[in-house]
Protein backbone atom coordinates (compact mmCIF):
# COMPACT_ATOMS: atom_id res chain seq x y z
CA MET A 1 -21.01 11.12 55.80
CA ASP A 2 -21.34 14.33 57.78
CA SER A 3 -20.58 16.36 54.66
CA LEU A 4 -23.52 14.71 52.85
CA LEU A 5 -25.88 15.35 55.75
CA ASN A 6 -24.83 19.02 55.87
CA GLN A 7 -25.53 19.87 52.24
CA ASP A 8 -27.07 23.23 51.35
CA TYR A 9 -29.98 21.46 49.70
CA PRO A 10 -33.56 20.70 50.85
CA PRO A 11 -33.27 17.46 52.88
CA GLU A 12 -36.71 16.28 51.74
CA LYS A 13 -35.38 16.20 48.16
CA LEU A 14 -32.23 14.33 49.08
CA GLU A 15 -31.85 10.58 49.53
CA ILE A 16 -28.51 9.31 50.86
CA ILE A 17 -27.61 5.69 50.15
CA VAL A 18 -24.45 3.95 51.34
CA VAL A 19 -23.52 0.54 49.90
CA ASP A 20 -21.19 -1.57 52.02
CA ASN A 21 -19.22 -3.73 49.58
CA ASN A 22 -18.04 -6.40 52.04
CA SER A 23 -15.88 -4.04 54.09
CA GLN A 24 -13.51 -5.70 56.58
CA ASP A 25 -13.01 -2.72 58.88
CA ASN A 26 -15.23 -0.72 61.24
CA THR A 27 -17.51 0.54 58.47
CA PRO A 28 -20.70 -1.29 59.67
CA ARG A 29 -20.24 0.03 63.20
CA ILE A 30 -19.63 3.59 61.97
CA LEU A 31 -22.63 3.49 59.64
CA LYS A 32 -24.98 2.30 62.36
CA LYS A 33 -25.36 5.78 63.85
CA TYR A 34 -26.12 7.27 60.41
CA ARG A 35 -28.98 4.85 59.84
CA GLU A 36 -30.75 6.63 62.69
CA LYS A 37 -30.34 9.91 60.76
CA GLY A 38 -32.24 8.61 57.73
CA VAL A 39 -29.32 7.26 55.69
CA LYS A 40 -30.21 4.08 53.79
CA ILE A 41 -27.52 1.45 54.43
CA LEU A 42 -27.22 -1.45 51.96
CA LYS A 43 -24.85 -4.39 51.68
CA GLU A 44 -23.63 -5.79 48.37
CA ASN A 45 -21.69 -9.06 48.46
CA LYS A 46 -20.59 -9.05 44.82
CA ARG A 47 -17.10 -7.59 44.65
CA GLY A 48 -16.36 -4.27 43.01
CA PRO A 49 -17.60 -0.66 42.93
CA ALA A 50 -19.60 -1.35 39.76
CA ALA A 51 -21.78 -3.93 41.53
CA ALA A 52 -22.09 -1.73 44.62
CA ARG A 53 -23.17 1.32 42.62
CA ASN A 54 -25.67 -0.74 40.63
CA ARG A 55 -27.22 -1.88 43.91
CA GLY A 56 -27.51 1.72 45.04
CA ILE A 57 -29.07 2.74 41.72
CA LYS A 58 -31.63 -0.04 41.97
CA GLU A 59 -32.68 1.03 45.47
CA SER A 60 -32.77 4.76 44.73
CA LYS A 61 -35.94 6.79 44.14
CA GLY A 62 -34.64 10.04 42.67
CA GLU A 63 -34.43 11.15 39.04
CA ILE A 64 -30.75 12.12 39.30
CA ILE A 65 -28.10 9.90 40.89
CA ALA A 66 -24.95 11.54 42.30
CA PHE A 67 -21.93 9.39 43.13
CA THR A 68 -18.99 9.89 45.45
CA ASP A 69 -16.50 7.59 47.17
CA ALA A 70 -15.91 6.51 50.75
CA ASP A 71 -12.67 8.52 50.98
CA CYS A 72 -14.27 11.75 49.72
CA GLU A 73 -15.72 14.71 51.57
CA ALA A 74 -18.28 16.81 49.70
CA SER A 75 -18.29 20.60 49.82
CA ARG A 76 -21.41 22.18 51.29
CA PHE A 77 -22.73 23.24 47.87
CA TRP A 78 -21.80 20.02 46.07
CA ILE A 79 -25.32 18.71 45.40
CA LYS A 80 -26.68 22.15 44.56
CA SER A 81 -23.87 22.73 42.02
CA LEU A 82 -24.39 19.34 40.37
CA ILE A 83 -28.14 19.85 40.07
CA LYS A 84 -27.64 23.34 38.65
CA GLY A 85 -25.54 21.80 35.88
CA PHE A 86 -28.61 19.93 34.60
CA GLU A 87 -30.57 23.16 34.03
CA GLU A 88 -29.00 23.67 30.61
CA ASN A 89 -30.58 21.83 27.69
CA GLY A 90 -28.81 18.77 26.40
CA VAL A 91 -27.07 17.88 29.68
CA ASP A 92 -27.30 14.19 30.56
CA ALA A 93 -24.59 14.00 33.24
CA VAL A 94 -22.53 16.45 35.29
CA ALA A 95 -19.02 16.08 36.72
CA GLY A 96 -17.13 18.22 39.19
CA ILE A 97 -13.57 18.62 40.41
CA SER A 98 -11.68 16.81 43.16
CA ILE A 99 -9.20 18.45 45.49
CA PHE A 100 -6.67 16.05 46.97
CA CYS A 101 -6.02 16.55 50.65
CA GLY A 102 -4.76 14.83 53.77
CA GLU A 103 -1.31 13.35 54.24
CA LYS A 104 0.90 13.71 51.18
CA GLY A 105 4.18 12.06 50.31
CA TYR A 106 6.03 11.40 47.10
CA ILE A 107 3.69 8.59 46.10
CA SER A 108 0.48 10.54 46.54
CA ARG A 109 1.97 13.56 44.73
CA VAL A 110 3.00 11.40 41.77
CA LEU A 111 -0.46 9.89 41.41
CA GLU A 112 -2.30 13.12 42.15
CA LYS A 113 -0.64 14.94 39.25
CA ARG A 114 -1.72 12.38 36.68
CA GLY A 115 -5.31 12.08 37.93
CA PHE A 116 -8.59 12.32 36.06
CA ASP A 117 -9.04 15.92 37.10
CA ASN A 118 -5.90 17.05 35.30
CA LEU A 119 -7.19 15.36 32.15
CA ILE A 120 -10.48 17.18 32.64
CA LYS A 121 -8.72 20.53 33.07
CA ASN A 122 -6.77 19.92 29.90
CA SER A 123 -9.89 18.96 27.95
CA LEU A 124 -11.64 22.19 28.94
CA ARG A 125 -9.43 24.07 26.50
CA THR A 126 -12.01 23.07 23.92
CA GLY A 127 -15.17 23.81 25.93
CA LYS A 128 -17.31 22.74 28.90
CA TRP A 129 -18.11 19.24 27.61
CA ILE A 130 -15.95 16.31 28.65
CA SER A 131 -15.71 12.71 27.47
CA TRP A 132 -15.54 10.97 30.84
CA ALA A 133 -15.17 11.67 34.53
CA PRO A 134 -14.45 9.79 37.77
CA THR A 135 -17.48 8.67 39.75
CA ARG A 136 -16.18 10.19 42.96
CA ASN A 137 -17.79 13.40 41.70
CA PHE A 138 -20.37 12.53 39.09
CA ALA A 139 -24.13 12.80 38.62
CA VAL A 140 -26.29 11.28 35.88
CA LYS A 141 -29.97 10.91 35.11
CA LYS A 142 -31.35 7.64 36.42
CA GLU A 143 -33.29 6.92 33.23
CA ILE A 144 -29.99 6.91 31.29
CA LEU A 145 -28.43 4.47 33.74
CA LYS A 146 -31.43 2.18 33.35
CA LYS A 147 -31.27 2.34 29.55
CA LEU A 148 -27.56 1.52 29.56
CA GLY A 149 -27.83 -1.22 32.16
CA GLY A 150 -25.80 0.60 34.80
CA PHE A 151 -22.12 -0.03 35.44
CA CYS A 152 -20.39 -3.05 33.92
CA GLU A 153 -19.89 -5.54 36.76
CA GLU A 154 -17.08 -7.33 34.94
CA PHE A 155 -14.85 -4.62 36.46
CA THR A 156 -14.30 -6.15 39.89
CA HIS A 157 -11.76 -3.56 41.09
CA PRO A 158 -12.00 0.23 41.30
CA ALA A 159 -10.51 1.08 37.91
CA ASP A 160 -11.97 2.05 34.52
CA GLU A 161 -15.57 1.07 35.31
CA ASP A 162 -16.43 4.77 35.27
CA ILE A 163 -14.63 5.33 31.95
CA GLU A 164 -16.48 2.37 30.46
CA LEU A 165 -19.86 3.82 31.48
CA CYS A 166 -18.98 7.25 30.11
CA LEU A 167 -17.83 5.76 26.79
CA ARG A 168 -21.12 3.90 26.47
CA MET A 169 -22.93 7.15 27.21
CA GLN A 170 -20.91 8.93 24.54
CA LYS A 171 -21.57 6.12 22.07
CA ASN A 172 -25.32 6.54 22.63
CA GLY A 173 -25.25 10.30 22.15
CA TYR A 174 -25.32 11.41 25.80
CA ARG A 175 -23.24 14.37 26.96
CA ILE A 176 -21.35 15.15 30.17
CA ARG A 177 -20.95 18.71 31.36
CA PHE A 178 -18.16 19.86 33.67
CA VAL A 179 -19.10 22.18 36.56
CA SER A 180 -16.12 23.54 38.47
CA GLU A 181 -18.26 24.63 41.45
CA ALA A 182 -19.09 20.99 42.30
CA THR A 183 -16.18 20.08 44.55
CA VAL A 184 -15.21 17.08 46.62
CA PHE A 185 -12.12 16.67 48.79
CA HIS A 186 -10.36 13.39 48.11
CA HIS A 187 -8.34 11.96 51.02
CA ARG A 188 -6.97 9.10 48.89
CA ALA A 189 -5.80 6.82 51.69
CA GLU A 190 -4.97 3.97 49.29
CA TYR A 191 -1.89 5.82 48.04
CA LEU A 192 -0.11 6.33 51.37
CA THR A 193 2.17 3.30 50.98
CA LEU A 194 4.15 1.99 48.03
CA ARG A 195 2.71 -1.53 48.41
CA LYS A 196 -0.89 -0.29 48.19
CA SER A 197 -0.02 1.96 45.27
CA ILE A 198 1.62 -0.87 43.32
CA LYS A 199 -1.42 -3.09 43.94
CA LYS A 200 -3.77 -0.30 42.87
CA CYS A 201 -1.79 0.34 39.67
CA PHE A 202 -1.70 -3.38 38.86
CA TRP A 203 -5.50 -3.55 38.86
CA GLU A 204 -5.70 -0.32 36.86
CA GLY A 205 -3.62 -2.00 34.17
CA PHE A 206 -5.74 -5.16 34.36
CA SER A 207 -8.96 -3.16 33.94
CA HIS A 208 -7.35 -1.21 31.12
CA CYS A 209 -7.21 -4.41 29.04
CA LEU A 210 -10.85 -5.17 29.81
CA LEU A 211 -11.75 -1.68 28.63
CA LEU A 212 -9.97 -2.29 25.33
CA LEU A 213 -11.90 -5.54 24.87
CA LYS A 214 -15.12 -3.54 25.00
CA PHE A 215 -13.87 -0.61 22.90
CA PRO A 216 -11.31 -2.07 20.45
CA GLU A 217 -11.61 1.03 18.27
CA LYS A 218 -9.77 2.93 21.03
CA ARG A 219 -6.62 0.85 20.62
CA LYS A 220 -3.35 2.50 19.76
CA ILE A 221 -0.09 0.67 19.00
CA SER A 222 2.51 1.60 21.63
CA PRO A 223 5.30 -1.01 21.75
CA PHE A 224 7.88 0.46 24.10
CA PRO A 225 6.34 -0.18 27.56
CA THR A 226 5.56 -3.80 26.64
CA LEU A 227 9.04 -4.28 25.16
CA ALA A 228 10.58 -3.00 28.40
CA ILE A 229 8.64 -5.55 30.46
CA SER A 230 9.35 -8.35 27.98
CA LEU A 231 13.09 -7.62 28.10
CA PHE A 232 12.98 -7.49 31.90
CA PHE A 233 11.46 -10.98 32.01
CA LEU A 234 13.95 -12.26 29.41
CA HIS A 235 16.79 -10.97 31.58
CA THR A 236 15.20 -12.73 34.56
CA ILE A 237 14.98 -16.04 32.68
CA GLY A 238 18.55 -15.73 31.49
CA ALA A 239 19.76 -14.90 35.00
CA ILE A 240 17.96 -17.96 36.44
CA PHE A 241 19.76 -20.24 33.98
CA LEU A 242 23.10 -18.69 34.94
CA LEU A 243 22.32 -18.65 38.67
CA PRO A 244 24.01 -21.97 39.68
CA SER A 245 27.43 -20.88 38.43
CA HIS A 246 27.00 -17.09 38.48
CA PRO A 247 24.92 -15.93 41.50
CA LEU A 248 25.42 -12.25 40.66
CA SER A 249 23.59 -12.78 37.36
CA MET A 250 20.28 -12.25 39.24
CA LEU A 251 21.13 -8.57 39.36
CA ALA A 252 20.93 -8.33 35.54
CA PRO A 253 17.14 -7.69 35.22
CA PHE A 254 17.28 -4.98 37.89
CA ILE A 255 20.33 -3.40 36.28
CA PHE A 256 18.41 -3.33 33.00
CA LEU A 257 15.40 -1.72 34.70
CA LEU A 258 17.53 0.82 36.57
CA PHE A 259 19.36 1.93 33.43
CA TYR A 260 16.08 2.05 31.48
CA PHE A 261 14.55 4.44 34.04
CA LEU A 262 17.78 6.45 34.24
CA PHE A 263 18.16 6.91 30.48
CA LYS A 264 14.48 7.67 30.10
CA TYR A 265 14.80 10.41 32.71
CA LEU A 266 17.91 11.86 31.07
CA PHE A 267 16.44 11.80 27.57
CA SER A 268 13.10 13.21 28.73
CA PHE A 269 14.48 15.91 31.01
CA PRO A 270 14.88 18.60 28.32
CA TYR A 271 11.23 18.10 27.34
CA ILE A 272 9.74 18.02 30.83
CA ARG A 273 7.66 21.11 31.41
CA LYS A 274 4.89 22.13 33.72
CA SER A 275 1.69 20.94 32.16
CA PRO A 276 -1.85 20.02 33.23
CA PHE A 277 -1.34 16.75 31.38
CA TYR A 278 0.39 14.05 33.39
CA THR A 279 0.78 10.33 32.91
CA LEU A 280 2.75 7.67 34.72
CA SER A 281 4.59 6.83 31.51
CA GLN A 282 5.68 10.43 30.89
CA PRO A 283 5.35 12.51 34.09
CA ALA A 284 5.63 16.27 33.89
CA THR A 285 8.12 16.60 36.73
CA GLY A 286 11.81 17.30 36.99
CA ASP A 287 12.11 15.71 40.44
CA PRO A 288 14.19 12.51 39.99
CA LEU A 289 12.54 10.67 42.90
CA GLU A 290 9.03 11.47 41.64
CA PHE A 291 10.08 10.36 38.18
CA PHE A 292 11.47 7.01 39.33
CA LEU A 293 8.44 6.35 41.54
CA SER A 294 6.16 7.05 38.60
CA GLN A 295 8.10 4.55 36.49
CA ILE A 296 7.80 1.83 39.15
CA LEU A 297 4.04 2.37 39.34
CA PHE A 298 3.77 2.49 35.55
CA PHE A 299 5.66 -0.81 35.44
CA SER A 300 3.05 -2.24 37.84
CA GLN A 301 0.26 -1.05 35.54
CA GLU A 302 1.89 -2.74 32.57
CA ILE A 303 2.24 -6.06 34.41
CA GLY A 304 -1.46 -5.87 35.27
CA PHE A 305 -2.27 -5.13 31.64
CA LEU A 306 -0.24 -8.07 30.36
CA SER A 307 -1.79 -10.37 32.98
CA ALA A 308 -5.24 -9.50 31.65
CA CYS A 309 -4.05 -10.08 28.07
CA PHE A 310 -3.12 -13.63 29.09
CA LYS A 311 -6.37 -14.18 31.00
CA TYR A 312 -8.61 -12.99 28.15
CA ARG A 313 -6.37 -14.60 25.51
CA LYS A 314 -5.81 -11.33 23.72
CA LEU A 315 -2.07 -11.53 23.18
CA ASN A 316 -2.42 -9.24 20.15
CA TYR A 317 -3.26 -6.48 22.65
CA PHE A 318 0.27 -6.66 24.11
CA PHE A 319 1.35 -3.61 22.17
CA SER A 320 -1.90 -1.69 22.48
CA ARG A 321 -2.91 1.25 24.61
CA PHE A 322 -6.13 3.11 25.24
CA ILE A 323 -6.58 6.31 23.20
CA PRO A 324 -8.14 9.20 25.13
CA GLU A 325 -10.23 11.66 23.19
CA GLU A 326 -8.20 14.13 21.14
CA ASN A 327 -9.09 17.07 23.38
CA PHE A 328 -7.49 15.26 26.33
CA LEU A 329 -4.09 15.11 24.69
CA PRO A 330 -1.70 18.06 24.39
CA LYS A 331 -0.03 18.52 21.06
CA GLY A 332 3.52 17.43 20.40
CA LYS A 333 3.81 14.92 23.24
CA SER A 334 5.53 12.12 21.30
CA THR A 335 8.25 10.33 23.30
CA GLY A 336 8.96 7.38 21.02
CA TRP A 337 12.63 8.16 20.39
CA GLN A 338 13.31 8.64 24.12
CA ASP A 339 11.80 5.24 24.90
CA ALA A 340 13.61 3.52 22.03
CA SER A 341 16.97 5.06 22.96
CA SER A 342 16.48 4.20 26.65
CA LEU A 343 15.73 0.58 25.79
CA LEU A 344 18.73 0.30 23.48
CA PHE A 345 21.30 1.72 25.90
CA SER A 346 19.96 -0.16 28.92
CA LEU A 347 19.91 -3.39 26.90
CA ILE A 348 23.55 -2.95 25.86
CA LEU A 349 24.70 -2.27 29.44
CA SER A 350 22.72 -5.10 31.02
CA PHE A 351 23.94 -7.60 28.40
CA TYR A 352 27.46 -6.37 29.03
CA TYR A 353 26.95 -7.09 32.72
CA LEU A 354 25.74 -10.64 31.94
CA TRP A 355 28.72 -11.18 29.64
CA LYS A 356 31.08 -10.09 32.42
CA CYS A 357 29.39 -12.55 34.78
CA ILE A 358 30.15 -15.37 32.37
CA HIS A 359 33.65 -14.08 31.44
CA PRO A 360 34.98 -12.27 34.52
């Protein structure tokens, strides 16, 4: 909040709005002192950042709306840099860069490397225009938001609602410009523990399915992650049936998963290289612990995705993935044979373990 009040921008031209989305901590008490400094404090009961942002948009008076998150700290020239980005003709929205800071462990490093900003950096190889951006550092003309109906409130968790808005903008001919001078510092407290990270990734996967429902043309067939989860659950079912007479059979699904991650790491290692492009499914790191953590979180994403497929009765989406724009993807990043080989070898070893349980 202090970083927003200390912007190098005329205060009479700046309106600061904070939307409390049913917070359960000390947020109302902390915000009380900022109300006295001219900050407009609103409360939105409907769950999700999409609903909260729409409430802020509705109550705002300016022509340009800039968004940031509760765990972000804006640089002193943040607003000025965003506004400057609109001076060029044909600019409908402006996005900046986020710098991750604060306490860092393995989990935060894993998720930091595959963030939106690395996708943005990679896309800039083809120019200053980008296809989407995170709303922690994003500004757009209010008239465009009104025409598009704001954020989609079907996204009830903080995941993909910003991508969905940007894709609608792109579909309607609006353009987003990247401005590197517009900087926010992201403290990213939600990734300090494994439990919170798994929960976050689950809802990312869930929202991913909802995004595909709205943009089916972005689907891409990618069977291996779903096959891995399906085989894990099949091992679990088989182990439950064998449990009364073979208690150690319950280890079979975890043995399968362990060998799958291990073989995937071994097969991928020769191809791992430092790259601005980073995903949970194929991280650009040679650190074994970072790799295995990324696979656990990716597994959580996939479970969330499959859960949404069941909820929305879109079982044909099981083997689908979202396709980023071509300029977001580096060339020659196919890992199909590594995934297929990892599945095959892990399946053989885990079935061998089950067979030994039955025939010791």
